[in-house]
Amino acid sequence: QTGAKEAEARGLNNIFFLRARADQIAELFAEQALESIWVTFPDPFPKDRSSKRRLMHPFYLEIYQTLLQQNGALYLKHDSRDFFLWSLEQLVANKWRIDELSFDLHESSLSDIYKIKTVYEERWLGEGLVTNFTRAFPR
């Protein structure tokens, strides 16, 4: 909600905020309609039996691939190292090309654009957690 208000205040018209179930995303956009997809701090669903619900599961990676334009990128930010490592494994196994990677984004030399903090991220950083980050491109 805060991000949507900020985008509106800045007059941005190339950004969308949705409240929908993740499994419906393919119904909301045409194929190759998106320049980028940001997945920021999704529920890690830590139990193995819930892995199909993770937003970096191969089911979702396939959807993201169809929605991204040629040269479109997927961005992932997360504070759980276990979830992040699992996500990297999924990307590699599904032949995504990892282009940028950091296990501590805010101490890295990566672009400041990636370092814009969510409200939750501010809180977690204050608790001593770090932000893991990657940018990846589909095969």
Foldseek 3Di string as FASTA:
>chain_A
DVVVVVCVVVVHDQDDDDDDQLVCVLVVAQFQQDQEAEDEADDLPPDPVCNVSDCLAPVNVVSVQRRHHVNRKYKYKHQDPVSVVVSVVSCVVQPKAWDDWDLAVVPDPDDCVVVDDDPVRVVVVVVVTGMIMIMIGGD
